[in-house]
Amino acid sequence: NAATLRRPADDSLGRAHIGIFIMHPYSGYINFQGCTDLASRGYTTLCANSVFTGNPNGYYGYEQHVPGIKSGINYLKNISASATLPAISKVLIFGHSMGAPMMTFYQNVAENGPGVCMGPEKIIPCVDANLYNLPKADGVMLFDAHLGDGLATFTYVDPAIHNNECLPRNFRFDMFSAENGYDTTTNGATY
């Protein structure tokens, strides 16, 4: 994984002791705007790419991201004081978009153990190889959160598209067609 650490020039705002780890499951986040904006507000940020950056279909579950998140948290926790900045005393994990369910997965497992994702009631139990004795974050920040891969994938489905070809559209299943119940004046529908 590639990562960039950003620390404020001084601790005049009294926030440099708070480290924020930011990573997304498959998008590059080294230069994510939140990294620079939070650092400019006095926080320490560590922004990383995952091993699946650029490969949204390369991982089977969030548990494959756990080693990267664990490394980021441990890295921040081990930043000691310098002449102008304090040591990191609190670590937050920041999940944006699809990073939100990934970070909440991590924190849930870190706080409650791998059993939270392995029970017989789970459709696809997690693989627990890297899920024991994880360092807990002191907090979780979520920004424009997806509710998870399953729901996100379902909301991207357009029944008018057939075989991943946008054209020609099957107008019998077009959700935005007035003939099928869509009302352009209210942007609502009765199907």
N, C-alpha and C. Protein backbone atom coordinates (compact mmCIF):
# COMPACT_ATOMS: atom_id res chain seq x y z
N ASN A 1 0.84 -1.18 0.00
CA ASN A 1 0.00 0.00 0.00
C ASN A 1 0.88 1.24 0.00
N ALA A 2 0.45 2.25 -0.70
CA ALA A 2 1.10 3.55 -0.65
C ALA A 2 0.29 4.42 0.30
N ALA A 3 0.97 5.28 1.04
CA ALA A 3 0.28 6.15 1.99
C ALA A 3 1.03 7.47 2.11
N THR A 4 0.28 8.51 2.51
CA THR A 4 0.87 9.82 2.74
C THR A 4 0.45 10.32 4.11
N LEU A 5 1.42 10.70 4.91
CA LEU A 5 1.18 11.28 6.22
C LEU A 5 1.21 12.79 6.10
N ARG A 6 0.22 13.45 6.68
CA ARG A 6 0.17 14.91 6.70
C ARG A 6 0.02 15.35 8.15
N ARG A 7 0.95 16.19 8.59
CA ARG A 7 0.89 16.75 9.95
C ARG A 7 0.85 18.26 9.83
N PRO A 8 0.15 18.92 10.73
CA PRO A 8 0.14 20.39 10.69
C PRO A 8 1.52 20.94 11.03
N ALA A 9 1.76 22.18 10.63
CA ALA A 9 3.06 22.81 10.90
C ALA A 9 3.28 23.01 12.40
N ASP A 10 2.21 23.25 13.14
CA ASP A 10 2.30 23.42 14.59
C ASP A 10 1.00 22.92 15.21
N ASP A 11 0.92 23.00 16.52
CA ASP A 11 -0.28 22.51 17.21
C ASP A 11 -1.08 23.67 17.79
N SER A 12 -1.13 24.78 17.08
CA SER A 12 -1.84 25.95 17.59
C SER A 12 -3.34 25.70 17.76
N LEU A 13 -3.89 24.75 17.05
CA LEU A 13 -5.32 24.42 17.18
C LEU A 13 -5.56 23.30 18.20
N GLY A 14 -4.50 22.69 18.71
CA GLY A 14 -4.64 21.66 19.73
C GLY A 14 -5.23 20.35 19.23
N ARG A 15 -5.05 20.06 17.93
CA ARG A 15 -5.64 18.85 17.35
C ARG A 15 -4.62 17.88 16.77
N ALA A 16 -3.37 18.23 16.76
CA ALA A 16 -2.36 17.41 16.09
C ALA A 16 -2.18 16.05 16.75
N HIS A 17 -2.65 15.89 17.99
CA HIS A 17 -2.56 14.60 18.68
C HIS A 17 -3.62 13.61 18.19
N ILE A 18 -4.54 14.06 17.35
CA ILE A 18 -5.59 13.20 16.81
C ILE A 18 -5.18 12.78 15.40
N GLY A 19 -4.97 11.48 15.24
CA GLY A 19 -4.61 10.92 13.94
C GLY A 19 -5.84 10.33 13.27
N ILE A 20 -6.00 10.62 12.00
CA ILE A 20 -7.15 10.12 11.24
C ILE A 20 -6.63 9.28 10.08
N PHE A 21 -7.03 8.01 10.07
CA PHE A 21 -6.63 7.10 8.99
C PHE A 21 -7.76 7.02 7.97
N ILE A 22 -7.42 7.27 6.70
CA ILE A 22 -8.42 7.30 5.63
C ILE A 22 -7.99 6.33 4.53
N MET A 23 -8.88 5.42 4.17
CA MET A 23 -8.62 4.47 3.08
C MET A 23 -9.96 4.05 2.49
N HIS A 24 -9.95 3.72 1.23
CA HIS A 24 -11.13 3.25 0.50
C HIS A 24 -10.83 1.85 0.00
N PRO A 25 -11.85 1.00 -0.17
CA PRO A 25 -11.56 -0.36 -0.61
C PRO A 25 -10.88 -0.45 -1.97
N TYR A 26 -11.20 0.44 -2.90
CA TYR A 26 -10.63 0.27 -4.25
C TYR A 26 -10.30 1.57 -4.98
N SER A 27 -10.55 2.72 -4.39
CA SER A 27 -10.19 3.99 -5.03
C SER A 27 -8.95 4.56 -4.36
N GLY A 28 -8.11 5.24 -5.13
CA GLY A 28 -6.91 5.85 -4.59
C GLY A 28 -7.25 7.00 -3.66
N TYR A 29 -6.75 6.97 -2.43
CA TYR A 29 -7.09 8.01 -1.45
C TYR A 29 -5.89 8.75 -0.90
N ILE A 30 -4.75 8.61 -1.51
CA ILE A 30 -3.58 9.36 -1.03
C ILE A 30 -3.81 10.86 -1.15
N ASN A 31 -4.49 11.28 -2.20
CA ASN A 31 -4.75 12.70 -2.42
C ASN A 31 -6.22 13.06 -2.26
N PHE A 32 -6.97 12.27 -1.52
CA PHE A 32 -8.37 12.55 -1.23
C PHE A 32 -8.47 13.91 -0.54
N GLN A 33 -9.45 14.71 -0.95
CA GLN A 33 -9.57 16.07 -0.42
C GLN A 33 -9.71 16.10 1.11
N GLY A 34 -10.40 15.12 1.68
CA GLY A 34 -10.54 15.08 3.13
C GLY A 34 -9.20 15.00 3.85
N CYS A 35 -8.21 14.39 3.22
CA CYS A 35 -6.88 14.27 3.83
C CYS A 35 -6.25 15.64 4.01
N THR A 36 -6.25 16.41 2.96
CA THR A 36 -5.63 17.74 3.04
C THR A 36 -6.49 18.70 3.85
N ASP A 37 -7.82 18.62 3.72
CA ASP A 37 -8.68 19.53 4.47
C ASP A 37 -8.61 19.29 5.97
N LEU A 38 -8.61 18.04 6.40
CA LEU A 38 -8.49 17.76 7.83
C LEU A 38 -7.12 18.15 8.36
N ALA A 39 -6.07 17.91 7.58
CA ALA A 39 -4.73 18.32 8.00
C ALA A 39 -4.63 19.84 8.10
N SER A 40 -5.28 20.55 7.19
CA SER A 40 -5.23 22.01 7.24
C SER A 40 -6.00 22.56 8.45
N ARG A 41 -6.83 21.73 9.03
CA ARG A 41 -7.58 22.12 10.24
C ARG A 41 -6.88 21.63 11.52
N GLY A 42 -5.65 21.18 11.40
CA GLY A 42 -4.84 20.86 12.56
C GLY A 42 -4.74 19.40 12.93
N TYR A 43 -5.42 18.52 12.21
CA TYR A 43 -5.36 17.09 12.52
C TYR A 43 -4.19 16.44 11.78
N THR A 44 -3.75 15.32 12.28
CA THR A 44 -2.77 14.50 11.58
C THR A 44 -3.55 13.49 10.75
N THR A 45 -3.25 13.39 9.46
CA THR A 45 -3.94 12.42 8.61
C THR A 45 -2.94 11.46 7.98
N LEU A 46 -3.36 10.23 7.88
CA LEU A 46 -2.62 9.21 7.13
C LEU A 46 -3.61 8.67 6.10
N CYS A 47 -3.32 8.92 4.85
CA CYS A 47 -4.22 8.54 3.77
C CYS A 47 -3.54 7.51 2.90
N ALA A 48 -4.26 6.40 2.67
CA ALA A 48 -3.63 5.25 2.02
C ALA A 48 -4.46 4.72 0.87
N ASN A 49 -3.76 4.10 -0.06
CA ASN A 49 -4.40 3.27 -1.06
C ASN A 49 -4.45 1.86 -0.50
N SER A 50 -5.46 1.11 -0.87
CA SER A 50 -5.51 -0.29 -0.44
C SER A 50 -4.77 -1.14 -1.47
N VAL A 51 -4.56 -2.39 -1.14
CA VAL A 51 -3.93 -3.29 -2.11
C VAL A 51 -4.86 -3.56 -3.28
N PHE A 52 -6.12 -3.16 -3.17
CA PHE A 52 -7.09 -3.36 -4.25
C PHE A 52 -7.44 -2.06 -4.97
N THR A 53 -6.64 -1.02 -4.78
CA THR A 53 -6.89 0.24 -5.48
C THR A 53 -6.88 -0.02 -6.98
N GLY A 54 -7.95 0.44 -7.64
CA GLY A 54 -8.09 0.21 -9.07
C GLY A 54 -8.66 -1.15 -9.43
N ASN A 55 -9.01 -1.95 -8.43
CA ASN A 55 -9.50 -3.30 -8.67
C ASN A 55 -10.74 -3.56 -7.80
N PRO A 56 -11.88 -2.93 -8.14
CA PRO A 56 -13.06 -3.04 -7.28
C PRO A 56 -13.64 -4.44 -7.16
N ASN A 57 -13.29 -5.31 -8.07
CA ASN A 57 -13.81 -6.68 -8.02
C ASN A 57 -12.76 -7.69 -7.57
N GLY A 58 -11.63 -7.21 -7.08
CA GLY A 58 -10.54 -8.10 -6.73
C GLY A 58 -10.60 -8.69 -5.34
N TYR A 59 -11.46 -8.18 -4.49
CA TYR A 59 -11.53 -8.70 -3.12
C TYR A 59 -12.87 -9.37 -2.88
N TYR A 60 -12.87 -10.37 -2.01
CA TYR A 60 -14.12 -11.10 -1.74
C TYR A 60 -14.82 -10.58 -0.50
N GLY A 61 -14.13 -9.85 0.35
CA GLY A 61 -14.77 -9.34 1.56
C GLY A 61 -13.91 -8.29 2.23
N TYR A 62 -14.52 -7.53 3.10
CA TYR A 62 -13.81 -6.46 3.80
C TYR A 62 -12.68 -7.00 4.67
N GLU A 63 -12.76 -8.28 5.05
CA GLU A 63 -11.68 -8.82 5.87
C GLU A 63 -10.34 -8.78 5.16
N GLN A 64 -10.33 -8.71 3.85
CA GLN A 64 -9.07 -8.62 3.12
C GLN A 64 -8.43 -7.24 3.27
N HIS A 65 -9.19 -6.26 3.73
CA HIS A 65 -8.67 -4.91 3.95
C HIS A 65 -8.15 -4.71 5.37
N VAL A 66 -8.46 -5.65 6.25
CA VAL A 66 -8.09 -5.52 7.66
C VAL A 66 -6.58 -5.31 7.85
N PRO A 67 -5.70 -6.05 7.18
CA PRO A 67 -4.26 -5.80 7.41
C PRO A 67 -3.84 -4.36 7.09
N GLY A 68 -4.39 -3.78 6.05
CA GLY A 68 -4.06 -2.39 5.71
C GLY A 68 -4.56 -1.40 6.75
N ILE A 69 -5.79 -1.61 7.21
CA ILE A 69 -6.35 -0.72 8.23
C ILE A 69 -5.58 -0.86 9.54
N LYS A 70 -5.30 -2.09 9.91
CA LYS A 70 -4.52 -2.36 11.13
C LYS A 70 -3.16 -1.66 11.05
N SER A 71 -2.49 -1.75 9.91
CA SER A 71 -1.19 -1.10 9.74
C SER A 71 -1.29 0.40 9.89
N GLY A 72 -2.35 0.98 9.29
CA GLY A 72 -2.54 2.43 9.40
C GLY A 72 -2.76 2.88 10.83
N ILE A 73 -3.61 2.16 11.56
CA ILE A 73 -3.87 2.49 12.96
C ILE A 73 -2.59 2.37 13.78
N ASN A 74 -1.87 1.27 13.61
CA ASN A 74 -0.63 1.07 14.37
C ASN A 74 0.41 2.13 14.03
N TYR A 75 0.51 2.49 12.76
CA TYR A 75 1.46 3.52 12.36
C TYR A 75 1.17 4.83 13.10
N LEU A 76 -0.11 5.23 13.08
CA LEU A 76 -0.47 6.48 13.75
C LEU A 76 -0.23 6.39 15.25
N LYS A 77 -0.58 5.28 15.85
CA LYS A 77 -0.40 5.13 17.31
C LYS A 77 1.06 5.19 17.72
N ASN A 78 1.96 4.93 16.79
CA ASN A 78 3.39 4.93 17.11
C ASN A 78 4.11 6.23 16.75
N ILE A 79 3.35 7.25 16.35
CA ILE A 79 3.99 8.55 16.09
C ILE A 79 4.25 9.22 17.43
N SER A 80 5.50 9.49 17.70
CA SER A 80 5.87 10.11 18.97
C SER A 80 5.98 11.62 18.81
N ALA A 81 6.13 12.29 19.92
CA ALA A 81 6.22 13.74 19.93
C ALA A 81 7.49 14.22 19.24
N SER A 82 7.37 15.38 18.63
CA SER A 82 8.54 16.05 18.05
C SER A 82 8.73 17.36 18.81
N ALA A 83 9.64 18.17 18.35
CA ALA A 83 9.89 19.45 19.02
C ALA A 83 8.68 20.37 18.95
N THR A 84 7.87 20.25 17.90
CA THR A 84 6.73 21.16 17.74
C THR A 84 5.37 20.49 17.79
N LEU A 85 5.33 19.16 17.73
CA LEU A 85 4.05 18.46 17.69
C LEU A 85 3.97 17.35 18.73
N PRO A 86 2.78 17.14 19.28
CA PRO A 86 2.62 16.08 20.28
C PRO A 86 2.56 14.71 19.64
N ALA A 87 2.70 13.68 20.46
CA ALA A 87 2.48 12.31 20.00
C ALA A 87 1.00 12.12 19.68
N ILE A 88 0.69 11.12 18.89
CA ILE A 88 -0.70 10.80 18.59
C ILE A 88 -1.28 10.08 19.81
N SER A 89 -2.39 10.59 20.33
CA SER A 89 -3.02 9.97 21.50
C SER A 89 -4.40 9.40 21.17
N LYS A 90 -4.97 9.81 20.05
CA LYS A 90 -6.26 9.27 19.60
C LYS A 90 -6.17 8.99 18.11
N VAL A 91 -6.75 7.85 17.71
CA VAL A 91 -6.79 7.48 16.30
C VAL A 91 -8.24 7.25 15.89
N LEU A 92 -8.63 7.92 14.83
CA LEU A 92 -9.95 7.75 14.24
C LEU A 92 -9.79 7.11 12.88
N ILE A 93 -10.77 6.30 12.48
CA ILE A 93 -10.78 5.79 11.11
C ILE A 93 -11.92 6.49 10.37
N PHE A 94 -11.65 6.84 9.14
CA PHE A 94 -12.55 7.66 8.33
C PHE A 94 -12.98 6.85 7.11
N GLY A 95 -14.28 6.64 6.98
CA GLY A 95 -14.80 5.91 5.83
C GLY A 95 -15.65 6.79 4.95
N HIS A 96 -15.23 6.96 3.72
CA HIS A 96 -15.99 7.74 2.75
C HIS A 96 -16.59 6.79 1.72
N SER A 97 -17.84 7.00 1.39
CA SER A 97 -18.52 6.22 0.36
C SER A 97 -18.46 4.74 0.72
N MET A 98 -17.89 3.91 -0.14
CA MET A 98 -17.82 2.48 0.15
C MET A 98 -16.77 2.18 1.23
N GLY A 99 -15.97 3.17 1.57
CA GLY A 99 -15.05 3.01 2.69
C GLY A 99 -15.77 2.99 4.03
N ALA A 100 -16.99 3.51 4.08
CA ALA A 100 -17.74 3.55 5.34
C ALA A 100 -18.09 2.15 5.83
N PRO A 101 -18.71 1.29 5.02
CA PRO A 101 -18.98 -0.06 5.54
C PRO A 101 -17.70 -0.84 5.82
N MET A 102 -16.64 -0.56 5.07
CA MET A 102 -15.37 -1.23 5.32
C MET A 102 -14.82 -0.84 6.70
N MET A 103 -14.83 0.45 7.01
CA MET A 103 -14.30 0.90 8.29
C MET A 103 -15.20 0.46 9.46
N THR A 104 -16.52 0.45 9.27
CA THR A 104 -17.39 -0.02 10.35
C THR A 104 -17.23 -1.52 10.56
N PHE A 105 -17.00 -2.26 9.47
CA PHE A 105 -16.70 -3.68 9.60
C PHE A 105 -15.46 -3.87 10.48
N TYR A 106 -14.40 -3.13 10.13
CA TYR A 106 -13.15 -3.25 10.89
C TYR A 106 -13.40 -2.96 12.37
N GLN A 107 -14.04 -1.84 12.67
CA GLN A 107 -14.21 -1.45 14.07
C GLN A 107 -15.10 -2.45 14.83
N ASN A 108 -16.12 -2.96 14.18
CA ASN A 108 -16.99 -3.96 14.81
C ASN A 108 -16.17 -5.20 15.19
N VAL A 109 -15.35 -5.67 14.26
CA VAL A 109 -14.53 -6.86 14.54
C VAL A 109 -13.47 -6.55 15.60
N ALA A 110 -12.86 -5.36 15.53
CA ALA A 110 -11.85 -4.99 16.52
C ALA A 110 -12.45 -4.93 17.93
N GLU A 111 -13.66 -4.44 18.04
CA GLU A 111 -14.29 -4.31 19.35
C GLU A 111 -14.91 -5.61 19.85
N ASN A 112 -15.45 -6.42 18.94
CA ASN A 112 -16.26 -7.56 19.34
C ASN A 112 -15.73 -8.92 18.92
N GLY A 113 -14.64 -8.94 18.18
CA GLY A 113 -14.06 -10.20 17.74
C GLY A 113 -14.66 -10.71 16.45
N PRO A 114 -13.99 -11.67 15.80
CA PRO A 114 -14.42 -12.16 14.50
C PRO A 114 -15.76 -12.90 14.51
N GLY A 115 -16.24 -13.27 15.68
CA GLY A 115 -17.53 -13.95 15.73
C GLY A 115 -18.67 -13.12 15.17
N VAL A 116 -18.50 -11.78 15.13
CA VAL A 116 -19.58 -10.93 14.62
C VAL A 116 -19.85 -11.14 13.13
N CYS A 117 -18.90 -11.76 12.44
CA CYS A 117 -19.10 -11.96 11.00
C CYS A 117 -18.98 -13.43 10.61
N MET A 118 -19.09 -14.33 11.60
CA MET A 118 -18.87 -15.73 11.29
C MET A 118 -20.01 -16.67 11.66
N GLY A 119 -21.06 -16.17 12.23
CA GLY A 119 -22.12 -17.04 12.71
C GLY A 119 -22.82 -17.81 11.61
N PRO A 120 -23.53 -18.88 11.98
CA PRO A 120 -24.24 -19.70 10.99
C PRO A 120 -25.37 -18.94 10.30
N GLU A 121 -25.80 -17.82 10.90
CA GLU A 121 -26.85 -17.02 10.28
C GLU A 121 -26.33 -16.14 9.13
N LYS A 122 -25.02 -16.06 8.97
CA LYS A 122 -24.42 -15.23 7.91
C LYS A 122 -24.51 -15.95 6.57
N ILE A 123 -24.93 -15.24 5.55
CA ILE A 123 -25.00 -15.83 4.22
C ILE A 123 -23.61 -16.22 3.76
N ILE A 124 -22.66 -15.30 3.93
CA ILE A 124 -21.26 -15.59 3.60
C ILE A 124 -20.42 -15.21 4.82
N PRO A 125 -20.08 -16.17 5.66
CA PRO A 125 -19.26 -15.86 6.84
C PRO A 125 -17.89 -15.33 6.41
N CYS A 126 -17.33 -14.47 7.24
CA CYS A 126 -16.02 -13.92 6.91
C CYS A 126 -14.93 -14.97 7.14
N VAL A 127 -13.81 -14.73 6.50
CA VAL A 127 -12.62 -15.55 6.72
C VAL A 127 -11.84 -14.88 7.85
N ASP A 128 -11.60 -15.60 8.92
CA ASP A 128 -11.08 -14.97 10.13
C ASP A 128 -9.55 -14.98 10.28
N ALA A 129 -8.83 -15.30 9.24
CA ALA A 129 -7.37 -15.47 9.35
C ALA A 129 -6.67 -14.24 9.93
N ASN A 130 -7.11 -13.04 9.61
CA ASN A 130 -6.42 -11.82 10.06
C ASN A 130 -7.27 -11.00 11.02
N LEU A 131 -8.24 -11.61 11.68
CA LEU A 131 -9.23 -10.83 12.42
C LEU A 131 -9.10 -10.88 13.94
N TYR A 132 -8.00 -11.39 14.46
CA TYR A 132 -7.85 -11.50 15.91
C TYR A 132 -6.91 -10.43 16.44
N ASN A 133 -7.20 -9.95 17.65
CA ASN A 133 -6.35 -9.00 18.36
C ASN A 133 -6.07 -7.74 17.56
N LEU A 134 -7.10 -7.18 16.99
CA LEU A 134 -6.95 -5.96 16.19
C LEU A 134 -6.93 -4.73 17.09
N PRO A 135 -6.10 -3.75 16.76
CA PRO A 135 -6.14 -2.50 17.53
C PRO A 135 -7.43 -1.76 17.21
N LYS A 136 -8.07 -1.26 18.25
CA LYS A 136 -9.32 -0.53 18.07
C LYS A 136 -9.01 0.93 17.77
N ALA A 137 -9.82 1.51 16.92
CA ALA A 137 -9.76 2.95 16.73
C ALA A 137 -10.52 3.59 17.90
N ASP A 138 -10.21 4.84 18.18
CA ASP A 138 -10.92 5.57 19.23
C ASP A 138 -12.25 6.12 18.74
N GLY A 139 -12.45 6.10 17.45
CA GLY A 139 -13.70 6.58 16.88
C GLY A 139 -13.75 6.29 15.39
N VAL A 140 -14.95 6.39 14.84
CA VAL A 140 -15.18 6.14 13.42
C VAL A 140 -15.90 7.36 12.84
N MET A 141 -15.39 7.88 11.75
CA MET A 141 -16.04 8.99 11.05
C MET A 141 -16.56 8.45 9.72
N LEU A 142 -17.81 8.77 9.39
CA LEU A 142 -18.41 8.33 8.13
C LEU A 142 -18.84 9.55 7.33
N PHE A 143 -18.55 9.52 6.04
CA PHE A 143 -18.85 10.64 5.16
C PHE A 143 -19.46 10.11 3.87
N ASP A 144 -20.67 10.56 3.54
CA ASP A 144 -21.38 10.09 2.34
C ASP A 144 -21.34 8.57 2.25
N ALA A 145 -21.78 7.92 3.32
CA ALA A 145 -21.62 6.48 3.47
C ALA A 145 -22.57 5.67 2.59
N HIS A 146 -22.03 4.62 1.98
CA HIS A 146 -22.84 3.56 1.39
C HIS A 146 -23.26 2.65 2.53
N LEU A 147 -24.34 1.93 2.33
CA LEU A 147 -24.80 1.02 3.36
C LEU A 147 -24.22 -0.37 3.21
N GLY A 148 -23.37 -0.58 2.22
CA GLY A 148 -22.73 -1.88 2.01
C GLY A 148 -22.71 -2.24 0.54
N ASP A 149 -21.86 -3.20 0.20
CA ASP A 149 -21.72 -3.62 -1.20
C ASP A 149 -23.01 -4.15 -1.78
N GLY A 150 -23.72 -4.98 -1.03
CA GLY A 150 -24.95 -5.59 -1.55
C GLY A 150 -25.99 -4.56 -1.93
N LEU A 151 -26.29 -3.62 -1.01
CA LEU A 151 -27.29 -2.60 -1.30
C LEU A 151 -26.79 -1.65 -2.40
N ALA A 152 -25.53 -1.27 -2.35
CA ALA A 152 -25.00 -0.38 -3.37
C ALA A 152 -25.11 -1.01 -4.75
N THR A 153 -24.73 -2.26 -4.86
CA THR A 153 -24.82 -2.95 -6.14
C THR A 153 -26.26 -3.02 -6.62
N PHE A 154 -27.18 -3.32 -5.71
CA PHE A 154 -28.59 -3.39 -6.09
C PHE A 154 -29.10 -2.04 -6.57
N THR A 155 -28.68 -0.94 -5.94
CA THR A 155 -29.17 0.37 -6.35
C THR A 155 -28.60 0.80 -7.70
N TYR A 156 -27.54 0.16 -8.15
CA TYR A 156 -26.97 0.50 -9.45
C TYR A 156 -27.66 -0.25 -10.60
N VAL A 157 -28.56 -1.14 -10.27
CA VAL A 157 -29.22 -1.95 -11.29
C VAL A 157 -30.23 -1.11 -12.05
N ASP A 158 -30.17 -1.16 -13.34
CA ASP A 158 -31.15 -0.51 -14.21
C ASP A 158 -31.78 -1.61 -15.05
N PRO A 159 -33.04 -1.94 -14.80
CA PRO A 159 -33.66 -3.06 -15.51
C PRO A 159 -33.82 -2.84 -17.01
N ALA A 160 -33.65 -1.60 -17.47
CA ALA A 160 -33.79 -1.33 -18.90
C ALA A 160 -32.51 -1.68 -19.66
N ILE A 161 -31.45 -1.97 -18.95
CA ILE A 161 -30.19 -2.34 -19.60
C ILE A 161 -30.10 -3.85 -19.66
N HIS A 162 -29.73 -4.36 -20.81
CA HIS A 162 -29.65 -5.81 -21.00
C HIS A 162 -28.23 -6.18 -21.42
N ASN A 163 -27.67 -7.16 -20.78
CA ASN A 163 -26.32 -7.65 -21.08
C ASN A 163 -25.26 -6.54 -21.01
N ASN A 164 -25.42 -5.64 -20.05
CA ASN A 164 -24.47 -4.54 -19.83
C ASN A 164 -24.30 -3.62 -21.03
N GLU A 165 -25.27 -3.60 -21.91
CA GLU A 165 -25.25 -2.68 -23.05
C GLU A 165 -26.27 -1.57 -22.79
N CYS A 166 -25.82 -0.33 -22.80
CA CYS A 166 -26.71 0.79 -22.51
C CYS A 166 -27.74 1.03 -23.62
N LEU A 167 -27.35 0.72 -24.82
CA LEU A 167 -28.27 0.91 -25.95
C LEU A 167 -28.33 -0.38 -26.75
N PRO A 168 -29.43 -0.77 -27.23
CA PRO A 168 -30.73 -0.11 -27.04
C PRO A 168 -31.30 -0.45 -25.66
N ARG A 169 -32.01 0.50 -25.09
CA ARG A 169 -32.66 0.29 -23.79
C ARG A 169 -33.96 -0.49 -24.00
N ASN A 170 -34.32 -1.31 -23.05
CA ASN A 170 -35.59 -2.02 -23.09
C ASN A 170 -36.62 -1.10 -22.43
N PHE A 171 -37.39 -0.39 -23.21
CA PHE A 171 -38.30 0.63 -22.71
C PHE A 171 -39.43 0.05 -21.86
N ARG A 172 -39.71 -1.24 -21.98
CA ARG A 172 -40.74 -1.84 -21.14
C ARG A 172 -40.33 -1.80 -19.67
N PHE A 173 -39.01 -1.74 -19.39
CA PHE A 173 -38.51 -1.74 -18.02
C PHE A 173 -37.83 -0.44 -17.62
N ASP A 174 -38.01 0.62 -18.41
CA ASP A 174 -37.37 1.90 -18.13
C ASP A 174 -38.05 2.58 -16.94
N MET A 175 -37.34 2.72 -15.84
CA MET A 175 -37.89 3.31 -14.61
C MET A 175 -38.21 4.78 -14.77
N PHE A 176 -37.63 5.44 -15.78
CA PHE A 176 -37.81 6.88 -15.94
C PHE A 176 -38.70 7.22 -17.12
N SER A 177 -39.49 6.28 -17.54
CA SER A 177 -40.42 6.49 -18.65
C SER A 177 -41.80 6.82 -18.09
N ALA A 178 -42.44 7.87 -18.64
CA ALA A 178 -43.79 8.24 -18.22
C ALA A 178 -44.77 7.10 -18.49
N GLU A 179 -44.54 6.36 -19.56
CA GLU A 179 -45.42 5.24 -19.89
C GLU A 179 -45.40 4.15 -18.81
N ASN A 180 -44.32 4.12 -18.04
CA ASN A 180 -44.19 3.11 -16.99
C ASN A 180 -44.51 3.65 -15.60
N GLY A 181 -44.97 4.89 -15.50
CA GLY A 181 -45.38 5.44 -14.22
C GLY A 181 -44.51 6.53 -13.63
N TYR A 182 -43.47 6.94 -14.32
CA TYR A 182 -42.59 7.99 -13.80
C TYR A 182 -43.21 9.35 -14.08
N ASP A 183 -43.20 10.25 -13.09
CA ASP A 183 -43.75 11.59 -13.22
C ASP A 183 -42.61 12.61 -13.18
N THR A 184 -42.33 13.23 -14.31
CA THR A 184 -41.20 14.18 -14.40
C THR A 184 -41.46 15.43 -13.60
N THR A 185 -42.73 15.79 -13.33
CA THR A 185 -42.99 17.01 -12.57
C THR A 185 -42.68 16.84 -11.08
N THR A 186 -42.79 15.62 -10.57
CA THR A 186 -42.52 15.38 -9.14
C THR A 186 -41.24 14.58 -8.93
N ASN A 187 -40.66 14.07 -10.01
CA ASN A 187 -39.51 13.16 -9.91
C ASN A 187 -39.84 11.96 -9.01
N GLY A 188 -41.08 11.52 -9.10
CA GLY A 188 -41.52 10.36 -8.35
C GLY A 188 -42.17 9.37 -9.29
N ALA A 189 -42.60 8.26 -8.76
CA ALA A 189 -43.17 7.24 -9.62
C ALA A 189 -44.19 6.40 -8.89
N THR A 190 -45.11 5.86 -9.66
CA THR A 190 -46.03 4.83 -9.21
C THR A 190 -45.92 3.71 -10.23
N TYR A 191 -45.28 2.63 -9.85
CA TYR A 191 -45.06 1.55 -10.78
C TYR A 191 -46.08 0.44 -10.57
